[in-house]
Amino acid sequence: MIFSLFRRKPQRDTISALYGMIVAQARLPVFYRDYAVADTVNGRFDLIVLHLALVLDRLAVNGQLDTAGQAVFDRFCADMDDNLREMGISDLKVPKEMKRMGQAFYGRSKAYVDALGDRRALVTALTRNIYGGAPSAYDAAPRLADYVIAAAAALKTQELAAIAAGEVRFPDPAVVPVPQV
Protein backbone atom coordinates (compact mmCIF):
# COMPACT_ATOMS: atom_id res chain seq x y z
CA MET A 1 0.00 0.00 0.00
CA ILE A 2 1.07 3.57 -0.58
CA PHE A 3 0.93 4.40 3.13
CA SER A 4 3.79 2.00 3.79
CA LEU A 5 6.05 4.41 1.91
CA PHE A 6 5.29 7.09 4.49
CA ARG A 7 5.88 4.93 7.54
CA ARG A 8 9.15 3.21 6.89
CA LYS A 9 12.56 4.79 7.02
CA PRO A 10 13.78 5.87 3.59
CA GLN A 11 16.50 3.73 2.00
CA ARG A 12 19.94 5.31 1.80
CA ASP A 13 20.18 4.58 -1.95
CA THR A 14 16.84 6.29 -2.53
CA ILE A 15 17.93 9.38 -0.58
CA SER A 16 21.24 9.47 -2.43
CA ALA A 17 19.41 9.26 -5.75
CA LEU A 18 17.03 12.05 -4.76
CA TYR A 19 19.85 14.25 -3.51
CA GLY A 20 21.83 13.44 -6.67
CA MET A 21 18.95 14.71 -8.81
CA ILE A 22 18.85 17.93 -6.81
CA VAL A 23 22.60 18.48 -7.24
CA ALA A 24 22.50 17.56 -10.93
CA GLN A 25 19.75 20.11 -11.57
CA ALA A 26 21.62 22.79 -9.62
CA ARG A 27 24.77 22.17 -11.65
CA LEU A 28 23.18 22.55 -15.08
CA PRO A 29 25.39 24.91 -17.10
CA VAL A 30 22.36 26.96 -18.18
CA PHE A 31 22.12 28.50 -14.70
CA TYR A 32 25.68 29.80 -14.90
CA ARG A 33 25.57 30.74 -18.56
CA ASP A 34 22.05 32.13 -19.10
CA TYR A 35 20.91 32.99 -15.57
CA ALA A 36 24.16 34.75 -14.58
CA VAL A 37 24.63 32.71 -11.41
CA ALA A 38 28.29 32.90 -10.38
CA ASP A 39 30.09 29.64 -11.20
CA THR A 40 31.78 29.60 -7.80
CA VAL A 41 31.56 27.54 -4.66
CA ASN A 42 29.01 30.02 -3.27
CA GLY A 43 26.99 30.11 -6.49
CA ARG A 44 26.79 26.33 -6.62
CA PHE A 45 25.91 26.14 -2.93
CA ASP A 46 23.12 28.67 -3.42
CA LEU A 47 21.59 26.74 -6.32
CA ILE A 48 21.72 23.48 -4.37
CA VAL A 49 20.02 25.21 -1.44
CA LEU A 50 17.35 26.64 -3.74
CA HIS A 51 16.49 23.25 -5.27
CA LEU A 52 16.74 21.45 -1.93
CA ALA A 53 14.35 23.98 -0.36
CA LEU A 54 11.80 23.33 -3.11
CA VAL A 55 12.00 19.55 -2.70
CA LEU A 56 11.86 19.72 1.10
CA ASP A 57 8.84 22.01 0.88
CA ARG A 58 7.10 19.43 -1.30
CA LEU A 59 8.06 16.58 1.03
CA ALA A 60 6.66 18.50 4.02
CA VAL A 61 3.06 18.22 2.78
CA ASN A 62 0.92 17.22 5.77
CA GLY A 63 4.02 15.94 7.57
CA GLN A 64 3.72 12.65 5.69
CA LEU A 65 7.30 12.56 4.48
CA ASP A 66 9.14 14.31 7.30
CA THR A 67 11.47 11.32 7.65
CA ALA A 68 12.39 11.43 3.96
CA GLY A 69 12.89 15.20 4.11
CA GLN A 70 15.16 14.86 7.14
CA ALA A 71 17.14 12.12 5.41
CA VAL A 72 17.67 14.30 2.31
CA PHE A 73 18.72 17.22 4.51
CA ASP A 74 21.13 14.95 6.39
CA ARG A 75 22.59 13.83 3.05
CA PHE A 76 23.05 17.50 2.08
CA CYS A 77 24.88 18.15 5.37
CA ALA A 78 27.16 15.15 4.84
CA ASP A 79 27.90 16.34 1.30
CA MET A 80 28.73 19.85 2.51
CA ASP A 81 30.99 18.42 5.24
CA ASP A 82 32.80 16.27 2.66
CA ASN A 83 33.21 19.23 0.31
CA LEU A 84 34.63 21.45 3.04
CA ARG A 85 37.20 18.81 3.88
CA GLU A 86 38.08 18.33 0.18
CA MET A 87 38.62 22.10 -0.12
CA GLY A 88 41.16 21.89 2.67
CA ILE A 89 39.16 23.34 5.56
CA SER A 90 40.79 22.09 8.75
CA ASP A 91 39.00 19.65 11.04
CA LEU A 92 38.76 22.35 13.69
CA LYS A 93 37.06 24.83 11.33
CA VAL A 94 34.59 22.41 9.70
CA PRO A 95 32.00 22.61 12.52
CA LYS A 96 32.03 26.43 12.40
CA GLU A 97 31.60 26.40 8.61
CA MET A 98 28.83 23.79 8.87
CA LYS A 99 26.99 25.99 11.36
CA ARG A 100 27.34 28.95 8.98
CA MET A 101 26.06 26.84 6.07
CA GLY A 102 23.15 25.56 8.15
CA GLN A 103 22.14 29.09 9.05
CA ALA A 104 22.42 30.09 5.39
CA PHE A 105 20.28 27.12 4.37
CA TYR A 106 17.52 27.84 6.88
CA GLY A 107 17.43 31.56 6.13
CA ARG A 108 17.42 31.14 2.37
CA SER A 109 15.02 28.22 2.42
CA LYS A 110 12.49 30.15 4.49
CA ALA A 111 12.84 33.22 2.27
CA TYR A 112 12.24 31.19 -0.92
CA VAL A 113 9.32 29.15 0.38
CA ASP A 114 7.65 32.19 1.98
CA ALA A 115 8.01 34.13 -1.28
CA LEU A 116 6.62 31.46 -3.62
CA GLY A 117 3.23 33.16 -3.78
CA ASP A 118 4.68 36.62 -4.43
CA ARG A 119 6.93 36.95 -7.50
CA ARG A 120 8.24 40.36 -6.45
CA ALA A 121 9.29 39.01 -3.03
CA LEU A 122 10.88 36.00 -4.71
CA VAL A 123 12.87 38.25 -7.06
CA THR A 124 14.04 40.23 -4.03
CA ALA A 125 15.08 37.06 -2.16
CA LEU A 126 16.93 35.70 -5.19
CA THR A 127 18.63 39.04 -5.86
CA ARG A 128 19.88 39.13 -2.27
CA ASN A 129 20.85 35.47 -1.86
CA ILE A 130 21.83 34.10 -5.26
CA TYR A 131 23.24 37.27 -6.79
CA GLY A 132 24.45 39.12 -3.70
CA GLY A 133 22.64 42.26 -4.84
CA ALA A 134 24.89 42.60 -7.91
CA PRO A 135 23.62 44.83 -10.74
CA SER A 136 23.47 41.80 -13.07
CA ALA A 137 20.74 40.42 -10.82
CA TYR A 138 18.23 42.96 -12.01
CA ASP A 139 18.16 41.24 -15.39
CA ALA A 140 18.69 37.64 -14.24
CA ALA A 141 16.67 37.39 -11.00
CA PRO A 142 13.22 37.77 -12.63
CA ARG A 143 13.92 34.86 -14.97
CA LEU A 144 15.24 32.75 -12.12
CA ALA A 145 12.09 33.62 -10.14
CA ASP A 146 9.97 32.39 -13.06
CA TYR A 147 11.98 29.16 -13.10
CA VAL A 148 11.53 28.70 -9.33
CA ILE A 149 7.78 29.23 -9.64
CA ALA A 150 7.65 26.69 -12.49
CA ALA A 151 9.76 24.21 -10.49
CA ALA A 152 7.52 24.52 -7.42
CA ALA A 153 4.44 24.02 -9.60
CA ALA A 154 6.02 20.98 -11.29
CA LEU A 155 6.89 19.45 -7.92
CA LYS A 156 3.29 19.87 -6.76
CA THR A 157 2.08 17.74 -9.68
CA GLN A 158 4.43 14.89 -8.81
CA GLU A 159 3.21 12.07 -6.63
CA LEU A 160 4.66 12.12 -3.13
CA ALA A 161 5.27 8.38 -3.37
CA ALA A 162 7.42 8.88 -6.47
CA ILE A 163 9.45 11.59 -4.78
CA ALA A 164 9.81 9.40 -1.69
CA ALA A 165 11.06 6.66 -4.02
CA GLY A 166 13.82 8.96 -5.23
CA GLU A 167 12.30 10.33 -8.42
CA VAL A 168 11.93 14.05 -8.94
CA ARG A 169 11.46 16.02 -12.14
CA PHE A 170 12.42 19.66 -12.48
CA PRO A 171 11.50 21.81 -15.47
CA ASP A 172 14.13 22.56 -18.08
CA PRO A 173 15.54 25.97 -17.14
CA ALA A 174 16.58 26.58 -20.74
CA VAL A 175 12.95 26.87 -21.85
CA VAL A 176 11.92 29.46 -19.26
CA PRO A 177 11.47 32.64 -21.29
CA VAL A 178 13.43 35.78 -20.55
CA PRO A 179 10.95 38.27 -19.03
CA GLN A 180 10.21 41.30 -21.16
CA VAL A 181 11.05 44.58 -19.44
C-alpha atoms as a PDB file:
ATOM      1  CA  MET A   1       0.000   0.000   0.000  1.00  0.00           C
ATOM      2  CA  ILE A   2       1.065   3.571  -0.578  1.00  0.00           C
ATOM      3  CA  PHE A   3       0.934   4.401   3.134  1.00  0.00           C
ATOM      4  CA  SER A   4       3.790   2.002   3.794  1.00  0.00           C
ATOM      5  CA  LEU A   5       6.052   4.415   1.910  1.00  0.00           C
ATOM      6  CA  PHE A   6       5.290   7.091   4.487  1.00  0.00           C
ATOM      7  CA  ARG A   7       5.880   4.925   7.543  1.00  0.00           C
ATOM      8  CA  ARG A   8       9.153   3.207   6.887  1.00  0.00           C
ATOM      9  CA  LYS A   9      12.557   4.794   7.021  1.00  0.00           C
ATOM     10  CA  PRO A  10      13.783   5.873   3.586  1.00  0.00           C
ATOM     11  CA  GLN A  11      16.495   3.733   2.004  1.00  0.00           C
ATOM     12  CA  ARG A  12      19.938   5.310   1.802  1.00  0.00           C
ATOM     13  CA  ASP A  13      20.183   4.583  -1.948  1.00  0.00           C
ATOM     14  CA  THR A  14      16.835   6.293  -2.527  1.00  0.00           C
ATOM     15  CA  ILE A  15      17.926   9.377  -0.581  1.00  0.00           C
ATOM     16  CA  SER A  16      21.244   9.470  -2.430  1.00  0.00           C
ATOM     17  CA  ALA A  17      19.409   9.257  -5.749  1.00  0.00           C
ATOM     18  CA  LEU A  18      17.032  12.051  -4.761  1.00  0.00           C
ATOM     19  CA  TYR A  19      19.850  14.254  -3.510  1.00  0.00           C
ATOM     20  CA  GLY A  20      21.831  13.440  -6.667  1.00  0.00           C
ATOM     21  CA  MET A  21      18.953  14.711  -8.809  1.00  0.00           C
ATOM     22  CA  ILE A  22      18.846  17.935  -6.807  1.00  0.00           C
ATOM     23  CA  VAL A  23      22.596  18.478  -7.239  1.00  0.00           C
ATOM     24  CA  ALA A  24      22.504  17.557 -10.932  1.00  0.00           C
ATOM     25  CA  GLN A  25      19.751  20.109 -11.569  1.00  0.00           C
ATOM     26  CA  ALA A  26      21.617  22.790  -9.623  1.00  0.00           C
ATOM     27  CA  ARG A  27      24.769  22.169 -11.655  1.00  0.00           C
ATOM     28  CA  LEU A  28      23.183  22.554 -15.081  1.00  0.00           C
ATOM     29  CA  PRO A  29      25.395  24.913 -17.100  1.00  0.00           C
ATOM     30  CA  VAL A  30      22.365  26.957 -18.178  1.00  0.00           C
ATOM     31  CA  PHE A  31      22.123  28.505 -14.699  1.00  0.00           C
ATOM     32  CA  TYR A  32      25.679  29.797 -14.900  1.00  0.00           C
ATOM     33  CA  ARG A  33      25.571  30.743 -18.565  1.00  0.00           C
ATOM     34  CA  ASP A  34      22.055  32.135 -19.099  1.00  0.00           C
ATOM     35  CA  TYR A  35      20.912  32.985 -15.566  1.00  0.00           C
ATOM     36  CA  ALA A  36      24.160  34.746 -14.585  1.00  0.00           C
ATOM     37  CA  VAL A  37      24.631  32.709 -11.407  1.00  0.00           C
ATOM     38  CA  ALA A  38      28.295  32.898 -10.383  1.00  0.00           C
ATOM     39  CA  ASP A  39      30.086  29.639 -11.199  1.00  0.00           C
ATOM     40  CA  THR A  40      31.776  29.604  -7.803  1.00  0.00           C
ATOM     41  CA  VAL A  41      31.564  27.539  -4.659  1.00  0.00           C
ATOM     42  CA  ASN A  42      29.012  30.018  -3.270  1.00  0.00           C
ATOM     43  CA  GLY A  43      26.990  30.112  -6.485  1.00  0.00           C
ATOM     44  CA  ARG A  44      26.789  26.334  -6.622  1.00  0.00           C
ATOM     45  CA  PHE A  45      25.909  26.136  -2.930  1.00  0.00           C
ATOM     46  CA  ASP A  46      23.120  28.674  -3.423  1.00  0.00           C
ATOM     47  CA  LEU A  47      21.585  26.737  -6.319  1.00  0.00           C
ATOM     48  CA  ILE A  48      21.721  23.477  -4.373  1.00  0.00           C
ATOM     49  CA  VAL A  49      20.020  25.209  -1.436  1.00  0.00           C
ATOM     50  CA  LEU A  50      17.349  26.641  -3.744  1.00  0.00           C
ATOM     51  CA  HIS A  51      16.495  23.251  -5.266  1.00  0.00           C
ATOM     52  CA  LEU A  52      16.740  21.455  -1.934  1.00  0.00           C
ATOM     53  CA  ALA A  53      14.355  23.981  -0.361  1.00  0.00           C
ATOM     54  CA  LEU A  54      11.796  23.328  -3.110  1.00  0.00           C
ATOM     55  CA  VAL A  55      12.001  19.554  -2.698  1.00  0.00           C
ATOM     56  CA  LEU A  56      11.860  19.721   1.098  1.00  0.00           C
ATOM     57  CA  ASP A  57       8.842  22.014   0.882  1.00  0.00           C
ATOM     58  CA  ARG A  58       7.105  19.434  -1.302  1.00  0.00           C
ATOM     59  CA  LEU A  59       8.056  16.584   1.031  1.00  0.00           C
ATOM     60  CA  ALA A  60       6.658  18.496   4.015  1.00  0.00           C
ATOM     61  CA  VAL A  61       3.059  18.224   2.783  1.00  0.00           C
ATOM     62  CA  ASN A  62       0.920  17.222   5.775  1.00  0.00           C
ATOM     63  CA  GLY A  63       4.017  15.944   7.574  1.00  0.00           C
ATOM     64  CA  GLN A  64       3.716  12.647   5.693  1.00  0.00           C
ATOM     65  CA  LEU A  65       7.301  12.559   4.483  1.00  0.00           C
ATOM     66  CA  ASP A  66       9.136  14.308   7.296  1.00  0.00           C
ATOM     67  CA  THR A  67      11.467  11.316   7.650  1.00  0.00           C
ATOM     68  CA  ALA A  68      12.391  11.433   3.959  1.00  0.00           C
ATOM     69  CA  GLY A  69      12.886  15.197   4.112  1.00  0.00           C
ATOM     70  CA  GLN A  70      15.157  14.858   7.137  1.00  0.00           C
ATOM     71  CA  ALA A  71      17.143  12.119   5.410  1.00  0.00           C
ATOM     72  CA  VAL A  72      17.666  14.304   2.314  1.00  0.00           C
ATOM     73  CA  PHE A  73      18.721  17.223   4.509  1.00  0.00           C
ATOM     74  CA  ASP A  74      21.135  14.946   6.394  1.00  0.00           C
ATOM     75  CA  ARG A  75      22.590  13.830   3.046  1.00  0.00           C
ATOM     76  CA  PHE A  76      23.047  17.499   2.079  1.00  0.00           C
ATOM     77  CA  CYS A  77      24.881  18.151   5.373  1.00  0.00           C
ATOM     78  CA  ALA A  78      27.156  15.145   4.839  1.00  0.00           C
ATOM     79  CA  ASP A  79      27.904  16.341   1.299  1.00  0.00           C
ATOM     80  CA  MET A  80      28.732  19.854   2.512  1.00  0.00           C
ATOM     81  CA  ASP A  81      30.987  18.419   5.243  1.00  0.00           C
ATOM     82  CA  ASP A  82      32.802  16.269   2.664  1.00  0.00           C
ATOM     83  CA  ASN A  83      33.212  19.228   0.310  1.00  0.00           C
ATOM     84  CA  LEU A  84      34.629  21.453   3.036  1.00  0.00           C
ATOM     85  CA  ARG A  85      37.203  18.808   3.879  1.00  0.00           C
ATOM     86  CA  GLU A  86      38.083  18.331   0.183  1.00  0.00           C
ATOM     87  CA  MET A  87      38.619  22.096  -0.117  1.00  0.00           C
ATOM     88  CA  GLY A  88      41.158  21.890   2.674  1.00  0.00           C
ATOM     89  CA  ILE A  89      39.160  23.341   5.556  1.00  0.00           C
ATOM     90  CA  SER A  90      40.785  22.092   8.748  1.00  0.00           C
ATOM     91  CA  ASP A  91      38.999  19.651  11.036  1.00  0.00           C
ATOM     92  CA  LEU A  92      38.757  22.353  13.688  1.00  0.00           C
ATOM     93  CA  LYS A  93      37.063  24.828  11.327  1.00  0.00           C
ATOM     94  CA  VAL A  94      34.592  22.414   9.698  1.00  0.00           C
ATOM     95  CA  PRO A  95      31.997  22.613  12.517  1.00  0.00           C
ATOM     96  CA  LYS A  96      32.026  26.429  12.399  1.00  0.00           C
ATOM     97  CA  GLU A  97      31.599  26.397   8.613  1.00  0.00           C
ATOM     98  CA  MET A  98      28.826  23.794   8.872  1.00  0.00           C
ATOM     99  CA  LYS A  99      26.994  25.993  11.356  1.00  0.00           C
ATOM    100  CA  ARG A 100      27.335  28.953   8.982  1.00  0.00           C
ATOM    101  CA  MET A 101      26.061  26.841   6.073  1.00  0.00           C
ATOM    102  CA  GLY A 102      23.148  25.558   8.149  1.00  0.00           C
ATOM    103  CA  GLN A 103      22.136  29.095   9.049  1.00  0.00           C
ATOM    104  CA  ALA A 104      22.417  30.093   5.393  1.00  0.00           C
ATOM    105  CA  PHE A 105      20.282  27.118   4.372  1.00  0.00           C
ATOM    106  CA  TYR A 106      17.519  27.838   6.880  1.00  0.00           C
ATOM    107  CA  GLY A 107      17.432  31.562   6.128  1.00  0.00           C
ATOM    108  CA  ARG A 108      17.422  31.143   2.370  1.00  0.00           C
ATOM    109  CA  SER A 109      15.018  28.222   2.415  1.00  0.00           C
ATOM    110  CA  LYS A 110      12.490  30.154   4.489  1.00  0.00           C
ATOM    111  CA  ALA A 111      12.842  33.220   2.265  1.00  0.00           C
ATOM    112  CA  TYR A 112      12.235  31.193  -0.919  1.00  0.00           C
ATOM    113  CA  VAL A 113       9.316  29.148   0.378  1.00  0.00           C
ATOM    114  CA  ASP A 114       7.654  32.188   1.977  1.00  0.00           C
ATOM    115  CA  ALA A 115       8.007  34.132  -1.285  1.00  0.00           C
ATOM    116  CA  LEU A 116       6.623  31.461  -3.622  1.00  0.00           C
ATOM    117  CA  GLY A 117       3.228  33.157  -3.779  1.00  0.00           C
ATOM    118  CA  ASP A 118       4.679  36.623  -4.430  1.00  0.00           C
ATOM    119  CA  ARG A 119       6.926  36.946  -7.495  1.00  0.00           C
ATOM    120  CA  ARG A 120       8.244  40.360  -6.447  1.00  0.00           C
ATOM    121  CA  ALA A 121       9.286  39.010  -3.026  1.00  0.00           C
ATOM    122  CA  LEU A 122      10.878  35.996  -4.710  1.00  0.00           C
ATOM    123  CA  VAL A 123      12.873  38.247  -7.064  1.00  0.00           C
ATOM    124  CA  THR A 124      14.044  40.230  -4.031  1.00  0.00           C
ATOM    125  CA  ALA A 125      15.082  37.059  -2.158  1.00  0.00           C
ATOM    126  CA  LEU A 126      16.928  35.699  -5.185  1.00  0.00           C
ATOM    127  CA  THR A 127      18.632  39.038  -5.859  1.00  0.00           C
ATOM    128  CA  ARG A 128      19.884  39.134  -2.273  1.00  0.00           C
ATOM    129  CA  ASN A 129      20.855  35.473  -1.858  1.00  0.00           C
ATOM    130  CA  ILE A 130      21.834  34.101  -5.257  1.00  0.00           C
ATOM    131  CA  TYR A 131      23.244  37.268  -6.794  1.00  0.00           C
ATOM    132  CA  GLY A 132      24.447  39.119  -3.698  1.00  0.00           C
ATOM    133  CA  GLY A 133      22.636  42.256  -4.839  1.00  0.00           C
ATOM    134  CA  ALA A 134      24.893  42.599  -7.905  1.00  0.00           C
ATOM    135  CA  PRO A 135      23.624  44.833 -10.743  1.00  0.00           C
ATOM    136  CA  SER A 136      23.470  41.799 -13.074  1.00  0.00           C
ATOM    137  CA  ALA A 137      20.738  40.416 -10.815  1.00  0.00           C
ATOM    138  CA  TYR A 138      18.227  42.957 -12.006  1.00  0.00           C
ATOM    139  CA  ASP A 139      18.157  41.239 -15.392  1.00  0.00           C
ATOM    140  CA  ALA A 140      18.688  37.645 -14.244  1.00  0.00           C
ATOM    141  CA  ALA A 141      16.670  37.388 -11.004  1.00  0.00           C
ATOM    142  CA  PRO A 142      13.216  37.768 -12.628  1.00  0.00           C
ATOM    143  CA  ARG A 143      13.916  34.863 -14.975  1.00  0.00           C
ATOM    144  CA  LEU A 144      15.239  32.754 -12.117  1.00  0.00           C
ATOM    145  CA  ALA A 145      12.091  33.616 -10.144  1.00  0.00           C
ATOM    146  CA  ASP A 146       9.972  32.392 -13.057  1.00  0.00           C
ATOM    147  CA  TYR A 147      11.984  29.162 -13.097  1.00  0.00           C
ATOM    148  CA  VAL A 148      11.529  28.701  -9.327  1.00  0.00           C
ATOM    149  CA  ILE A 149       7.779  29.233  -9.638  1.00  0.00           C
ATOM    150  CA  ALA A 150       7.652  26.687 -12.491  1.00  0.00           C
ATOM    151  CA  ALA A 151       9.762  24.215 -10.485  1.00  0.00           C
ATOM    152  CA  ALA A 152       7.524  24.521  -7.420  1.00  0.00           C
ATOM    153  CA  ALA A 153       4.437  24.017  -9.602  1.00  0.00           C
ATOM    154  CA  ALA A 154       6.025  20.976 -11.289  1.00  0.00           C
ATOM    155  CA  LEU A 155       6.889  19.450  -7.923  1.00  0.00           C
ATOM    156  CA  LYS A 156       3.290  19.873  -6.757  1.00  0.00           C
ATOM    157  CA  THR A 157       2.084  17.744  -9.682  1.00  0.00           C
ATOM    158  CA  GLN A 158       4.428  14.888  -8.814  1.00  0.00           C
ATOM    159  CA  GLU A 159       3.212  12.070  -6.626  1.00  0.00           C
ATOM    160  CA  LEU A 160       4.656  12.117  -3.126  1.00  0.00           C
ATOM    161  CA  ALA A 161       5.270   8.376  -3.366  1.00  0.00           C
ATOM    162  CA  ALA A 162       7.421   8.875  -6.474  1.00  0.00           C
ATOM    163  CA  ILE A 163       9.454  11.593  -4.777  1.00  0.00           C
ATOM    164  CA  ALA A 164       9.814   9.396  -1.685  1.00  0.00           C
ATOM    165  CA  ALA A 165      11.064   6.656  -4.018  1.00  0.00           C
ATOM    166  CA  GLY A 166      13.824   8.959  -5.229  1.00  0.00           C
ATOM    167  CA  GLU A 167      12.295  10.328  -8.423  1.00  0.00           C
ATOM    168  CA  VAL A 168      11.930  14.054  -8.939  1.00  0.00           C
ATOM    169  CA  ARG A 169      11.465  16.018 -12.144  1.00  0.00           C
ATOM    170  CA  PHE A 170      12.417  19.662 -12.484  1.00  0.00           C
ATOM    171  CA  PRO A 171      11.496  21.809 -15.471  1.00  0.00           C
ATOM    172  CA  ASP A 172      14.132  22.557 -18.083  1.00  0.00           C
ATOM    173  CA  PRO A 173      15.539  25.974 -17.139  1.00  0.00           C
ATOM    174  CA  ALA A 174      16.583  26.577 -20.744  1.00  0.00           C
ATOM    175  CA  VAL A 175      12.951  26.872 -21.853  1.00  0.00           C
ATOM    176  CA  VAL A 176      11.915  29.463 -19.255  1.00  0.00           C
ATOM    177  CA  PRO A 177      11.469  32.643 -21.289  1.00  0.00           C
ATOM    178  CA  VAL A 178      13.431  35.780 -20.555  1.00  0.00           C
ATOM    179  CA  PRO A 179      10.953  38.268 -19.032  1.00  0.00           C
ATOM    180  CA  GLN A 180      10.214  41.303 -21.158  1.00  0.00           C
ATOM    181  CA  VAL A 181      11.050  44.581 -19.444  1.00  0.00           C
END
